[in-house]
Amino acid sequence: MERWALVSGLQGDLDLYEQIQKELKQQRGVASLFVLGDLIGSQRSCNALLERLRQPQRADLQPECIYGWWEEQLLAECGYRGERKAESLREEQGEAAVGDLLAAVDADHLNWLASLQFGFIELDCALIHGSSADVGDRLTEDTSALVLLDRLTRLDVNRLFTARCRRQFQLELCGGSIQSHVKDHAGEQQSEQAVPKRSVIGVGGGRHYTLYDPATDHIEFRSAGEPAHAAGRGFG
Protein backbone atom coordinates (compact mmCIF):
# COMPACT_ATOMS: atom_id res chain seq x y z
CA MET A 1 0.00 0.00 0.00
CA GLU A 2 1.22 3.50 -0.76
CA ARG A 3 2.24 6.08 1.84
CA TRP A 4 0.46 9.22 2.97
CA ALA A 5 1.98 12.65 3.57
CA LEU A 6 0.34 14.67 6.36
CA VAL A 7 0.95 18.42 6.41
CA SER A 8 -0.54 21.31 8.41
CA GLY A 9 0.10 24.90 9.44
CA LEU A 10 1.29 26.29 6.11
CA GLN A 11 -0.41 29.61 6.96
CA GLY A 12 -0.11 31.05 3.48
CA ASP A 13 3.55 30.11 2.91
CA LEU A 14 3.67 29.09 -0.76
CA ASP A 15 7.47 28.75 -0.76
CA LEU A 16 7.29 26.21 2.07
CA TYR A 17 4.53 24.30 0.29
CA GLU A 18 6.62 24.12 -2.88
CA GLN A 19 9.59 22.83 -0.89
CA ILE A 20 7.46 20.11 0.71
CA GLN A 21 6.00 19.17 -2.68
CA LYS A 22 9.53 18.86 -4.07
CA GLU A 23 10.60 16.59 -1.21
CA LEU A 24 7.50 14.41 -1.50
CA LYS A 25 8.22 13.77 -5.17
CA GLN A 26 11.61 12.37 -4.09
CA GLN A 27 10.05 10.05 -1.49
CA ARG A 28 9.34 6.51 -2.62
CA GLY A 29 5.69 5.46 -2.55
CA VAL A 30 4.08 8.72 -1.38
CA ALA A 31 0.74 8.76 -3.20
CA SER A 32 -1.60 10.88 -1.04
CA LEU A 33 -1.18 14.35 0.43
CA PHE A 34 -3.48 15.43 3.25
CA VAL A 35 -3.33 19.08 4.37
CA LEU A 36 -4.83 19.10 7.86
CA GLY A 37 -5.93 22.70 8.19
CA ASP A 38 -4.38 26.07 8.96
CA LEU A 39 -3.85 26.75 5.29
CA ILE A 40 -4.17 30.41 6.19
CA GLY A 41 -2.91 32.76 8.90
CA SER A 42 -2.57 36.43 9.74
CA GLN A 43 1.16 36.92 9.09
CA ARG A 44 1.17 37.12 5.27
CA SER A 45 -1.07 37.17 2.22
CA CYS A 46 -2.46 33.67 1.76
CA ASN A 47 -3.97 34.08 -1.69
CA ALA A 48 -1.14 32.60 -3.75
CA LEU A 49 -1.08 29.43 -1.65
CA LEU A 50 -4.86 29.09 -1.77
CA GLU A 51 -4.80 29.43 -5.55
CA ARG A 52 -2.18 26.69 -5.75
CA LEU A 53 -4.16 24.37 -3.48
CA ARG A 54 -7.35 24.97 -5.43
CA GLN A 55 -5.66 24.60 -8.82
CA PRO A 56 -2.63 22.30 -8.39
CA GLN A 57 0.09 22.21 -10.98
CA ARG A 58 0.28 19.14 -13.17
CA ALA A 59 3.32 17.74 -11.35
CA ASP A 60 1.91 18.35 -7.85
CA LEU A 61 0.87 15.59 -5.51
CA GLN A 62 -2.86 16.39 -5.36
CA PRO A 63 -3.71 17.99 -1.99
CA GLU A 64 -6.73 16.86 0.02
CA CYS A 65 -7.54 19.72 2.41
CA ILE A 66 -9.64 20.11 5.55
CA TYR A 67 -10.25 23.26 7.55
CA GLY A 68 -8.36 24.12 10.72
CA TRP A 69 -8.47 26.63 13.55
CA TRP A 70 -7.45 29.63 11.42
CA GLU A 71 -10.06 28.81 8.78
CA GLU A 72 -12.67 28.46 11.51
CA GLN A 73 -11.81 31.91 12.88
CA LEU A 74 -12.02 33.53 9.44
CA LEU A 75 -15.29 31.83 8.50
CA ALA A 76 -16.86 32.74 11.84
CA GLU A 77 -15.83 36.40 11.49
CA CYS A 78 -17.22 36.51 7.93
CA GLY A 79 -20.65 35.16 8.92
CA TYR A 80 -20.28 31.52 7.84
CA ARG A 81 -20.87 30.20 11.36
CA GLY A 82 -24.14 31.90 12.22
CA GLU A 83 -23.88 34.36 15.09
CA ARG A 84 -20.39 33.24 16.06
CA LYS A 85 -17.38 35.49 15.54
CA ALA A 86 -13.61 34.98 15.81
CA GLU A 87 -13.66 35.30 19.60
CA SER A 88 -10.95 32.69 20.15
CA LEU A 89 -8.55 34.65 17.95
CA ARG A 90 -9.49 37.91 19.71
CA GLU A 91 -8.81 36.36 23.11
CA GLU A 92 -5.47 34.87 22.08
CA GLN A 93 -4.00 37.62 19.87
CA GLY A 94 -6.21 40.69 20.04
CA GLU A 95 -8.36 42.69 17.63
CA ALA A 96 -5.44 43.56 15.34
CA ALA A 97 -4.91 39.90 14.49
CA VAL A 98 -8.52 39.61 13.33
CA GLY A 99 -8.02 42.55 10.98
CA ASP A 100 -4.76 41.06 9.68
CA LEU A 101 -6.50 37.74 9.00
CA LEU A 102 -9.30 39.41 7.07
CA ALA A 103 -6.73 41.28 4.98
CA ALA A 104 -4.71 38.10 4.30
CA VAL A 105 -7.47 36.24 2.42
CA ASP A 106 -9.46 37.55 -0.53
CA ALA A 107 -13.23 37.11 -0.36
CA ASP A 108 -13.08 34.95 -3.50
CA HIS A 109 -11.66 32.10 -1.42
CA LEU A 110 -14.29 32.11 1.34
CA ASN A 111 -16.81 29.80 -0.30
CA TRP A 112 -14.08 27.26 -1.07
CA LEU A 113 -12.81 27.38 2.50
CA ALA A 114 -16.38 26.95 3.75
CA SER A 115 -16.74 23.84 1.57
CA LEU A 116 -13.85 22.02 3.24
CA GLN A 117 -14.63 19.10 5.51
CA PHE A 118 -13.95 18.84 9.25
CA GLY A 119 -11.82 15.72 8.73
CA PHE A 120 -11.29 12.49 6.82
CA ILE A 121 -11.79 8.85 7.77
CA GLU A 122 -9.39 6.65 5.82
CA LEU A 123 -9.22 2.91 6.59
CA ASP A 124 -9.07 2.82 10.43
CA CYS A 125 -7.59 6.33 10.67
CA ALA A 126 -9.09 9.74 11.44
CA LEU A 127 -7.32 12.75 9.96
CA ILE A 128 -8.40 15.90 11.82
CA HIS A 129 -6.91 19.30 12.61
CA GLY A 130 -7.84 19.21 16.30
CA SER A 131 -9.85 16.21 17.42
CA SER A 132 -13.28 14.67 17.18
CA ALA A 133 -14.37 17.04 19.96
CA ASP A 134 -13.42 20.37 18.38
CA VAL A 135 -11.24 21.87 15.67
CA GLY A 136 -9.36 23.82 18.34
CA ASP A 137 -8.72 20.83 20.61
CA ARG A 138 -4.96 20.63 21.35
CA LEU A 139 -3.94 17.03 21.90
CA THR A 140 -0.32 16.56 22.98
CA GLU A 141 1.90 13.83 24.39
CA ASP A 142 0.89 15.12 27.85
CA THR A 143 -2.88 14.68 27.31
CA SER A 144 -4.38 12.06 29.62
CA ALA A 145 -5.03 8.57 28.27
CA LEU A 146 -8.74 8.82 29.09
CA VAL A 147 -9.11 11.98 26.99
CA LEU A 148 -7.23 10.39 24.11
CA LEU A 149 -9.41 7.29 24.32
CA ASP A 150 -12.53 9.46 24.27
CA ARG A 151 -11.36 11.25 21.11
CA LEU A 152 -10.64 7.92 19.42
CA THR A 153 -13.87 6.17 20.39
CA ARG A 154 -16.04 9.08 19.26
CA LEU A 155 -15.01 8.18 15.70
CA ASP A 156 -14.48 4.43 16.23
CA VAL A 157 -10.95 4.51 14.78
CA ASN A 158 -7.63 3.01 15.84
CA ARG A 159 -5.41 5.88 14.63
CA LEU A 160 -6.07 9.57 15.21
CA PHE A 161 -3.82 12.04 13.37
CA THR A 162 -3.98 15.54 14.84
CA ALA A 163 -2.23 18.81 13.95
CA ARG A 164 -3.52 21.53 16.27
CA CYS A 165 -0.59 21.51 18.70
CA ARG A 166 1.95 21.62 15.79
CA ARG A 167 4.10 18.99 17.55
CA GLN A 168 5.25 15.60 16.29
CA PHE A 169 4.62 12.62 18.55
CA GLN A 170 3.17 9.13 18.64
CA LEU A 171 1.31 7.85 21.67
CA GLU A 172 0.17 4.24 21.92
CA LEU A 173 -2.76 3.25 24.09
CA CYS A 174 -2.02 -0.39 24.79
CA GLY A 175 -4.81 -2.94 24.83
CA GLY A 176 -6.65 -3.20 28.13
CA SER A 177 -10.14 -2.72 29.52
CA ILE A 178 -12.40 -0.16 31.18
CA GLN A 179 -14.46 -1.32 34.14
CA SER A 180 -17.63 0.47 35.20
CA HIS A 181 -19.88 0.10 38.24
CA VAL A 182 -23.44 1.48 38.19
CA LYS A 183 -25.88 1.46 41.11
CA ASP A 184 -29.52 2.50 40.67
CA HIS A 185 -33.04 1.54 41.81
CA ALA A 186 -32.79 -1.73 39.86
CA GLY A 187 -29.66 -2.82 41.70
CA GLU A 188 -25.97 -2.86 40.90
CA GLN A 189 -24.45 -3.53 37.52
CA GLN A 190 -20.84 -4.05 36.55
CA SER A 191 -19.42 -4.10 33.05
CA GLU A 192 -16.04 -4.40 31.41
CA GLN A 193 -15.21 -3.05 27.95
CA ALA A 194 -12.16 -4.22 26.05
CA VAL A 195 -9.92 -1.46 24.69
CA PRO A 196 -7.91 -2.37 21.56
CA LYS A 197 -4.44 -1.03 20.90
CA ARG A 198 -4.80 2.47 19.46
CA SER A 199 -2.59 5.46 18.63
CA VAL A 200 -2.72 9.24 18.57
CA ILE A 201 -0.19 10.88 16.27
CA GLY A 202 0.78 14.54 16.18
CA VAL A 203 1.77 15.31 12.59
CA GLY A 204 3.52 18.63 13.30
CA GLY A 205 2.99 21.97 11.60
CA GLY A 206 4.75 24.36 9.26
CA ARG A 207 8.05 22.81 8.17
CA HIS A 208 7.36 19.65 10.18
CA TYR A 209 5.29 17.00 8.44
CA THR A 210 4.65 13.25 8.71
CA LEU A 211 4.78 10.27 6.37
CA TYR A 212 2.61 7.26 7.16
CA ASP A 213 2.43 3.78 5.65
CA PRO A 214 -1.01 2.24 6.37
CA ALA A 215 0.20 -1.22 5.35
CA THR A 216 2.98 -1.39 7.95
CA ASP A 217 1.79 1.28 10.41
CA HIS A 218 5.22 2.91 10.04
CA ILE A 219 5.45 6.62 10.85
CA GLU A 220 8.27 8.90 9.76
CA PHE A 221 8.56 12.44 11.09
CA ARG A 222 10.15 14.85 8.64
CA SER A 223 11.21 18.49 8.60
CA ALA A 224 11.44 20.26 5.25
CA GLY A 225 15.06 20.78 4.27
CA GLU A 226 16.44 18.39 6.92
CA PRO A 227 17.34 14.66 6.98
CA ALA A 228 14.74 12.18 8.21
CA HIS A 229 14.65 11.28 11.89
CA ALA A 230 12.92 8.50 13.76
CA ALA A 231 9.42 8.81 15.15
CA GLY A 232 9.16 9.67 18.82
CA ARG A 233 7.03 7.33 20.88
CA GLY A 234 5.12 7.42 24.12
CA PHE A 235 2.40 5.46 25.87
CA GLY A 236 -0.88 6.05 27.61
C-alpha atoms as a PDB file:
ATOM      1  CA  MET A   1       0.000   0.000   0.000  1.00  0.00           C
ATOM      2  CA  GLU A   2       1.215   3.502  -0.756  1.00  0.00           C
ATOM      3  CA  ARG A   3       2.242   6.079   1.844  1.00  0.00           C
ATOM      4  CA  TRP A   4       0.457   9.219   2.966  1.00  0.00           C
ATOM      5  CA  ALA A   5       1.981  12.652   3.568  1.00  0.00           C
ATOM      6  CA  LEU A   6       0.338  14.666   6.364  1.00  0.00           C
ATOM      7  CA  VAL A   7       0.952  18.422   6.409  1.00  0.00           C
ATOM      8  CA  SER A   8      -0.543  21.309   8.413  1.00  0.00           C
ATOM      9  CA  GLY A   9       0.100  24.895   9.444  1.00  0.00           C
ATOM     10  CA  LEU A  10       1.287  26.289   6.106  1.00  0.00           C
ATOM     11  CA  GLN A  11      -0.410  29.609   6.958  1.00  0.00           C
ATOM     12  CA  GLY A  12      -0.108  31.053   3.476  1.00  0.00           C
ATOM     13  CA  ASP A  13       3.550  30.114   2.914  1.00  0.00           C
ATOM     14  CA  LEU A  14       3.671  29.093  -0.759  1.00  0.00           C
ATOM     15  CA  ASP A  15       7.474  28.752  -0.760  1.00  0.00           C
ATOM     16  CA  LEU A  16       7.289  26.206   2.067  1.00  0.00           C
ATOM     17  CA  TYR A  17       4.530  24.300   0.293  1.00  0.00           C
ATOM     18  CA  GLU A  18       6.617  24.116  -2.879  1.00  0.00           C
ATOM     19  CA  GLN A  19       9.588  22.831  -0.894  1.00  0.00           C
ATOM     20  CA  ILE A  20       7.460  20.108   0.705  1.00  0.00           C
ATOM     21  CA  GLN A  21       5.999  19.171  -2.676  1.00  0.00           C
ATOM     22  CA  LYS A  22       9.531  18.855  -4.068  1.00  0.00           C
ATOM     23  CA  GLU A  23      10.604  16.594  -1.211  1.00  0.00           C
ATOM     24  CA  LEU A  24       7.502  14.410  -1.496  1.00  0.00           C
ATOM     25  CA  LYS A  25       8.218  13.765  -5.166  1.00  0.00           C
ATOM     26  CA  GLN A  26      11.605  12.371  -4.091  1.00  0.00           C
ATOM     27  CA  GLN A  27      10.053  10.050  -1.486  1.00  0.00           C
ATOM     28  CA  ARG A  28       9.336   6.511  -2.616  1.00  0.00           C
ATOM     29  CA  GLY A  29       5.689   5.462  -2.555  1.00  0.00           C
ATOM     30  CA  VAL A  30       4.079   8.720  -1.384  1.00  0.00           C
ATOM     31  CA  ALA A  31       0.737   8.762  -3.198  1.00  0.00           C
ATOM     32  CA  SER A  32      -1.601  10.878  -1.043  1.00  0.00           C
ATOM     33  CA  LEU A  33      -1.176  14.353   0.433  1.00  0.00           C
ATOM     34  CA  PHE A  34      -3.484  15.432   3.249  1.00  0.00           C
ATOM     35  CA  VAL A  35      -3.332  19.078   4.366  1.00  0.00           C
ATOM     36  CA  LEU A  36      -4.832  19.100   7.858  1.00  0.00           C
ATOM     37  CA  GLY A  37      -5.927  22.698   8.192  1.00  0.00           C
ATOM     38  CA  ASP A  38      -4.376  26.068   8.964  1.00  0.00           C
ATOM     39  CA  LEU A  39      -3.847  26.748   5.291  1.00  0.00           C
ATOM     40  CA  ILE A  40      -4.172  30.405   6.190  1.00  0.00           C
ATOM     41  CA  GLY A  41      -2.907  32.756   8.903  1.00  0.00           C
ATOM     42  CA  SER A  42      -2.572  36.431   9.738  1.00  0.00           C
ATOM     43  CA  GLN A  43       1.160  36.924   9.092  1.00  0.00           C
ATOM     44  CA  ARG A  44       1.170  37.122   5.273  1.00  0.00           C
ATOM     45  CA  SER A  45      -1.068  37.175   2.216  1.00  0.00           C
ATOM     46  CA  CYS A  46      -2.457  33.670   1.763  1.00  0.00           C
ATOM     47  CA  ASN A  47      -3.975  34.081  -1.692  1.00  0.00           C
ATOM     48  CA  ALA A  48      -1.136  32.596  -3.755  1.00  0.00           C
ATOM     49  CA  LEU A  49      -1.075  29.428  -1.647  1.00  0.00           C
ATOM     50  CA  LEU A  50      -4.857  29.095  -1.772  1.00  0.00           C
ATOM     51  CA  GLU A  51      -4.803  29.433  -5.554  1.00  0.00           C
ATOM     52  CA  ARG A  52      -2.178  26.688  -5.750  1.00  0.00           C
ATOM     53  CA  LEU A  53      -4.163  24.372  -3.479  1.00  0.00           C
ATOM     54  CA  ARG A  54      -7.350  24.971  -5.429  1.00  0.00           C
ATOM     55  CA  GLN A  55      -5.660  24.596  -8.818  1.00  0.00           C
ATOM     56  CA  PRO A  56      -2.634  22.301  -8.391  1.00  0.00           C
ATOM     57  CA  GLN A  57       0.095  22.214 -10.982  1.00  0.00           C
ATOM     58  CA  ARG A  58       0.280  19.139 -13.175  1.00  0.00           C
ATOM     59  CA  ALA A  59       3.319  17.736 -11.353  1.00  0.00           C
ATOM     60  CA  ASP A  60       1.909  18.354  -7.853  1.00  0.00           C
ATOM     61  CA  LEU A  61       0.867  15.594  -5.515  1.00  0.00           C
ATOM     62  CA  GLN A  62      -2.856  16.391  -5.362  1.00  0.00           C
ATOM     63  CA  PRO A  63      -3.709  17.989  -1.988  1.00  0.00           C
ATOM     64  CA  GLU A  64      -6.733  16.855   0.021  1.00  0.00           C
ATOM     65  CA  CYS A  65      -7.542  19.720   2.413  1.00  0.00           C
ATOM     66  CA  ILE A  66      -9.638  20.110   5.547  1.00  0.00           C
ATOM     67  CA  TYR A  67     -10.255  23.262   7.553  1.00  0.00           C
ATOM     68  CA  GLY A  68      -8.358  24.120  10.721  1.00  0.00           C
ATOM     69  CA  TRP A  69      -8.469  26.630  13.552  1.00  0.00           C
ATOM     70  CA  TRP A  70      -7.451  29.634  11.425  1.00  0.00           C
ATOM     71  CA  GLU A  71     -10.062  28.806   8.780  1.00  0.00           C
ATOM     72  CA  GLU A  72     -12.670  28.464  11.513  1.00  0.00           C
ATOM     73  CA  GLN A  73     -11.815  31.914  12.876  1.00  0.00           C
ATOM     74  CA  LEU A  74     -12.019  33.530   9.440  1.00  0.00           C
ATOM     75  CA  LEU A  75     -15.288  31.831   8.500  1.00  0.00           C
ATOM     76  CA  ALA A  76     -16.860  32.744  11.836  1.00  0.00           C
ATOM     77  CA  GLU A  77     -15.833  36.401  11.493  1.00  0.00           C
ATOM     78  CA  CYS A  78     -17.224  36.508   7.934  1.00  0.00           C
ATOM     79  CA  GLY A  79     -20.654  35.165   8.925  1.00  0.00           C
ATOM     80  CA  TYR A  80     -20.285  31.522   7.835  1.00  0.00           C
ATOM     81  CA  ARG A  81     -20.866  30.196  11.364  1.00  0.00           C
ATOM     82  CA  GLY A  82     -24.140  31.904  12.218  1.00  0.00           C
ATOM     83  CA  GLU A  83     -23.884  34.357  15.093  1.00  0.00           C
ATOM     84  CA  ARG A  84     -20.390  33.238  16.064  1.00  0.00           C
ATOM     85  CA  LYS A  85     -17.376  35.487  15.540  1.00  0.00           C
ATOM     86  CA  ALA A  86     -13.609  34.981  15.811  1.00  0.00           C
ATOM     87  CA  GLU A  87     -13.657  35.299  19.596  1.00  0.00           C
ATOM     88  CA  SER A  88     -10.953  32.686  20.151  1.00  0.00           C
ATOM     89  CA  LEU A  89      -8.555  34.653  17.953  1.00  0.00           C
ATOM     90  CA  ARG A  90      -9.488  37.910  19.710  1.00  0.00           C
ATOM     91  CA  GLU A  91      -8.813  36.359  23.107  1.00  0.00           C
ATOM     92  CA  GLU A  92      -5.473  34.869  22.083  1.00  0.00           C
ATOM     93  CA  GLN A  93      -4.000  37.616  19.875  1.00  0.00           C
ATOM     94  CA  GLY A  94      -6.212  40.690  20.045  1.00  0.00           C
ATOM     95  CA  GLU A  95      -8.363  42.689  17.634  1.00  0.00           C
ATOM     96  CA  ALA A  96      -5.438  43.564  15.341  1.00  0.00           C
ATOM     97  CA  ALA A  97      -4.907  39.897  14.491  1.00  0.00           C
ATOM     98  CA  VAL A  98      -8.516  39.610  13.335  1.00  0.00           C
ATOM     99  CA  GLY A  99      -8.021  42.554  10.980  1.00  0.00           C
ATOM    100  CA  ASP A 100      -4.759  41.060   9.681  1.00  0.00           C
ATOM    101  CA  LEU A 101      -6.496  37.742   9.002  1.00  0.00           C
ATOM    102  CA  LEU A 102      -9.297  39.413   7.069  1.00  0.00           C
ATOM    103  CA  ALA A 103      -6.726  41.280   4.979  1.00  0.00           C
ATOM    104  CA  ALA A 104      -4.714  38.105   4.305  1.00  0.00           C
ATOM    105  CA  VAL A 105      -7.467  36.242   2.422  1.00  0.00           C
ATOM    106  CA  ASP A 106      -9.462  37.554  -0.535  1.00  0.00           C
ATOM    107  CA  ALA A 107     -13.229  37.112  -0.356  1.00  0.00           C
ATOM    108  CA  ASP A 108     -13.081  34.954  -3.496  1.00  0.00           C
ATOM    109  CA  HIS A 109     -11.663  32.103  -1.421  1.00  0.00           C
ATOM    110  CA  LEU A 110     -14.286  32.108   1.343  1.00  0.00           C
ATOM    111  CA  ASN A 111     -16.807  29.797  -0.302  1.00  0.00           C
ATOM    112  CA  TRP A 112     -14.078  27.257  -1.068  1.00  0.00           C
ATOM    113  CA  LEU A 113     -12.806  27.381   2.503  1.00  0.00           C
ATOM    114  CA  ALA A 114     -16.377  26.955   3.748  1.00  0.00           C
ATOM    115  CA  SER A 115     -16.742  23.844   1.570  1.00  0.00           C
ATOM    116  CA  LEU A 116     -13.855  22.023   3.240  1.00  0.00           C
ATOM    117  CA  GLN A 117     -14.633  19.098   5.509  1.00  0.00           C
ATOM    118  CA  PHE A 118     -13.946  18.842   9.248  1.00  0.00           C
ATOM    119  CA  GLY A 119     -11.816  15.721   8.729  1.00  0.00           C
ATOM    120  CA  PHE A 120     -11.288  12.492   6.824  1.00  0.00           C
ATOM    121  CA  ILE A 121     -11.789   8.854   7.773  1.00  0.00           C
ATOM    122  CA  GLU A 122      -9.386   6.651   5.824  1.00  0.00           C
ATOM    123  CA  LEU A 123      -9.220   2.914   6.591  1.00  0.00           C
ATOM    124  CA  ASP A 124      -9.073   2.822  10.426  1.00  0.00           C
ATOM    125  CA  CYS A 125      -7.590   6.331  10.672  1.00  0.00           C
ATOM    126  CA  ALA A 126      -9.094   9.737  11.444  1.00  0.00           C
ATOM    127  CA  LEU A 127      -7.315  12.755   9.961  1.00  0.00           C
ATOM    128  CA  ILE A 128      -8.400  15.905  11.817  1.00  0.00           C
ATOM    129  CA  HIS A 129      -6.911  19.297  12.607  1.00  0.00           C
ATOM    130  CA  GLY A 130      -7.840  19.213  16.301  1.00  0.00           C
ATOM    131  CA  SER A 131      -9.849  16.207  17.425  1.00  0.00           C
ATOM    132  CA  SER A 132     -13.280  14.667  17.176  1.00  0.00           C
ATOM    133  CA  ALA A 133     -14.373  17.044  19.963  1.00  0.00           C
ATOM    134  CA  ASP A 134     -13.423  20.374  18.379  1.00  0.00           C
ATOM    135  CA  VAL A 135     -11.240  21.875  15.666  1.00  0.00           C
ATOM    136  CA  GLY A 136      -9.356  23.817  18.342  1.00  0.00           C
ATOM    137  CA  ASP A 137      -8.720  20.828  20.612  1.00  0.00           C
ATOM    138  CA  ARG A 138      -4.963  20.626  21.349  1.00  0.00           C
ATOM    139  CA  LEU A 139      -3.939  17.026  21.905  1.00  0.00           C
ATOM    140  CA  THR A 140      -0.321  16.561  22.980  1.00  0.00           C
ATOM    141  CA  GLU A 141       1.897  13.825  24.393  1.00  0.00           C
ATOM    142  CA  ASP A 142       0.885  15.119  27.853  1.00  0.00           C
ATOM    143  CA  THR A 143      -2.875  14.681  27.308  1.00  0.00           C
ATOM    144  CA  SER A 144      -4.385  12.061  29.623  1.00  0.00           C
ATOM    145  CA  ALA A 145      -5.027   8.574  28.270  1.00  0.00           C
ATOM    146  CA  LEU A 146      -8.739   8.824  29.091  1.00  0.00           C
ATOM    147  CA  VAL A 147      -9.114  11.984  26.992  1.00  0.00           C
ATOM    148  CA  LEU A 148      -7.229  10.388  24.106  1.00  0.00           C
ATOM    149  CA  LEU A 149      -9.410   7.292  24.323  1.00  0.00           C
ATOM    150  CA  ASP A 150     -12.533   9.461  24.271  1.00  0.00           C
ATOM    151  CA  ARG A 151     -11.365  11.248  21.113  1.00  0.00           C
ATOM    152  CA  LEU A 152     -10.644   7.915  19.425  1.00  0.00           C
ATOM    153  CA  THR A 153     -13.871   6.165  20.394  1.00  0.00           C
ATOM    154  CA  ARG A 154     -16.039   9.081  19.261  1.00  0.00           C
ATOM    155  CA  LEU A 155     -15.010   8.178  15.705  1.00  0.00           C
ATOM    156  CA  ASP A 156     -14.478   4.428  16.234  1.00  0.00           C
ATOM    157  CA  VAL A 157     -10.953   4.505  14.777  1.00  0.00           C
ATOM    158  CA  ASN A 158      -7.625   3.013  15.835  1.00  0.00           C
ATOM    159  CA  ARG A 159      -5.411   5.882  14.634  1.00  0.00           C
ATOM    160  CA  LEU A 160      -6.066   9.574  15.211  1.00  0.00           C
ATOM    161  CA  PHE A 161      -3.824  12.044  13.369  1.00  0.00           C
ATOM    162  CA  THR A 162      -3.979  15.545  14.844  1.00  0.00           C
ATOM    163  CA  ALA A 163      -2.230  18.807  13.950  1.00  0.00           C
ATOM    164  CA  ARG A 164      -3.523  21.533  16.267  1.00  0.00           C
ATOM    165  CA  CYS A 165      -0.586  21.514  18.697  1.00  0.00           C
ATOM    166  CA  ARG A 166       1.948  21.618  15.791  1.00  0.00           C
ATOM    167  CA  ARG A 167       4.097  18.994  17.547  1.00  0.00           C
ATOM    168  CA  GLN A 168       5.247  15.600  16.295  1.00  0.00           C
ATOM    169  CA  PHE A 169       4.618  12.623  18.551  1.00  0.00           C
ATOM    170  CA  GLN A 170       3.166   9.134  18.635  1.00  0.00           C
ATOM    171  CA  LEU A 171       1.312   7.853  21.668  1.00  0.00           C
ATOM    172  CA  GLU A 172       0.169   4.241  21.923  1.00  0.00           C
ATOM    173  CA  LEU A 173      -2.756   3.246  24.086  1.00  0.00           C
ATOM    174  CA  CYS A 174      -2.021  -0.392  24.785  1.00  0.00           C
ATOM    175  CA  GLY A 175      -4.807  -2.942  24.833  1.00  0.00           C
ATOM    176  CA  GLY A 176      -6.651  -3.203  28.129  1.00  0.00           C
ATOM    177  CA  SER A 177     -10.135  -2.717  29.521  1.00  0.00           C
ATOM    178  CA  ILE A 178     -12.396  -0.157  31.177  1.00  0.00           C
ATOM    179  CA  GLN A 179     -14.457  -1.317  34.140  1.00  0.00           C
ATOM    180  CA  SER A 180     -17.632   0.467  35.196  1.00  0.00           C
ATOM    181  CA  HIS A 181     -19.876   0.097  38.239  1.00  0.00           C
ATOM    182  CA  VAL A 182     -23.437   1.477  38.190  1.00  0.00           C
ATOM    183  CA  LYS A 183     -25.879   1.456  41.115  1.00  0.00           C
ATOM    184  CA  ASP A 184     -29.522   2.496  40.672  1.00  0.00           C
ATOM    185  CA  HIS A 185     -33.035   1.539  41.805  1.00  0.00           C
ATOM    186  CA  ALA A 186     -32.786  -1.733  39.863  1.00  0.00           C
ATOM    187  CA  GLY A 187     -29.657  -2.820  41.701  1.00  0.00           C
ATOM    188  CA  GLU A 188     -25.969  -2.857  40.901  1.00  0.00           C
ATOM    189  CA  GLN A 189     -24.451  -3.530  37.516  1.00  0.00           C
ATOM    190  CA  GLN A 190     -20.845  -4.047  36.550  1.00  0.00           C
ATOM    191  CA  SER A 191     -19.421  -4.098  33.053  1.00  0.00           C
ATOM    192  CA  GLU A 192     -16.041  -4.400  31.414  1.00  0.00           C
ATOM    193  CA  GLN A 193     -15.214  -3.055  27.951  1.00  0.00           C
ATOM    194  CA  ALA A 194     -12.159  -4.219  26.054  1.00  0.00           C
ATOM    195  CA  VAL A 195      -9.917  -1.463  24.694  1.00  0.00           C
ATOM    196  CA  PRO A 196      -7.906  -2.368  21.564  1.00  0.00           C
ATOM    197  CA  LYS A 197      -4.437  -1.031  20.896  1.00  0.00           C
ATOM    198  CA  ARG A 198      -4.802   2.469  19.463  1.00  0.00           C
ATOM    199  CA  SER A 199      -2.585   5.457  18.632  1.00  0.00           C
ATOM    200  CA  VAL A 200      -2.724   9.243  18.574  1.00  0.00           C
ATOM    201  CA  ILE A 201      -0.193  10.884  16.271  1.00  0.00           C
ATOM    202  CA  GLY A 202       0.783  14.537  16.176  1.00  0.00           C
ATOM    203  CA  VAL A 203       1.769  15.314  12.590  1.00  0.00           C
ATOM    204  CA  GLY A 204       3.515  18.631  13.297  1.00  0.00           C
ATOM    205  CA  GLY A 205       2.990  21.971  11.602  1.00  0.00           C
ATOM    206  CA  GLY A 206       4.752  24.363   9.261  1.00  0.00           C
ATOM    207  CA  ARG A 207       8.050  22.806   8.174  1.00  0.00           C
ATOM    208  CA  HIS A 208       7.360  19.650  10.177  1.00  0.00           C
ATOM    209  CA  TYR A 209       5.289  16.996   8.443  1.00  0.00           C
ATOM    210  CA  THR A 210       4.654  13.254   8.712  1.00  0.00           C
ATOM    211  CA  LEU A 211       4.784  10.273   6.369  1.00  0.00           C
ATOM    212  CA  TYR A 212       2.606   7.256   7.158  1.00  0.00           C
ATOM    213  CA  ASP A 213       2.433   3.782   5.646  1.00  0.00           C
ATOM    214  CA  PRO A 214      -1.010   2.245   6.368  1.00  0.00           C
ATOM    215  CA  ALA A 215       0.200  -1.222   5.351  1.00  0.00           C
ATOM    216  CA  THR A 216       2.979  -1.395   7.949  1.00  0.00           C
ATOM    217  CA  ASP A 217       1.788   1.281  10.413  1.00  0.00           C
ATOM    218  CA  HIS A 218       5.215   2.913  10.045  1.00  0.00           C
ATOM    219  CA  ILE A 219       5.445   6.623  10.850  1.00  0.00           C
ATOM    220  CA  GLU A 220       8.270   8.898   9.761  1.00  0.00           C
ATOM    221  CA  PHE A 221       8.557  12.436  11.087  1.00  0.00           C
ATOM    222  CA  ARG A 222      10.154  14.854   8.637  1.00  0.00           C
ATOM    223  CA  SER A 223      11.209  18.494   8.604  1.00  0.00           C
ATOM    224  CA  ALA A 224      11.443  20.262   5.254  1.00  0.00           C
ATOM    225  CA  GLY A 225      15.058  20.777   4.270  1.00  0.00           C
ATOM    226  CA  GLU A 226      16.438  18.392   6.917  1.00  0.00           C
ATOM    227  CA  PRO A 227      17.335  14.663   6.984  1.00  0.00           C
ATOM    228  CA  ALA A 228      14.743  12.182   8.206  1.00  0.00           C
ATOM    229  CA  HIS A 229      14.653  11.281  11.888  1.00  0.00           C
ATOM    230  CA  ALA A 230      12.923   8.501  13.761  1.00  0.00           C
ATOM    231  CA  ALA A 231       9.425   8.807  15.146  1.00  0.00           C
ATOM    232  CA  GLY A 232       9.164   9.672  18.825  1.00  0.00           C
ATOM    233  CA  ARG A 233       7.033   7.329  20.880  1.00  0.00           C
ATOM    234  CA  GLY A 234       5.121   7.419  24.121  1.00  0.00           C
ATOM    235  CA  PHE A 235       2.400   5.464  25.870  1.00  0.00           C
ATOM    236  CA  GLY A 236      -0.878   6.048  27.614  1.00  0.00           C
END
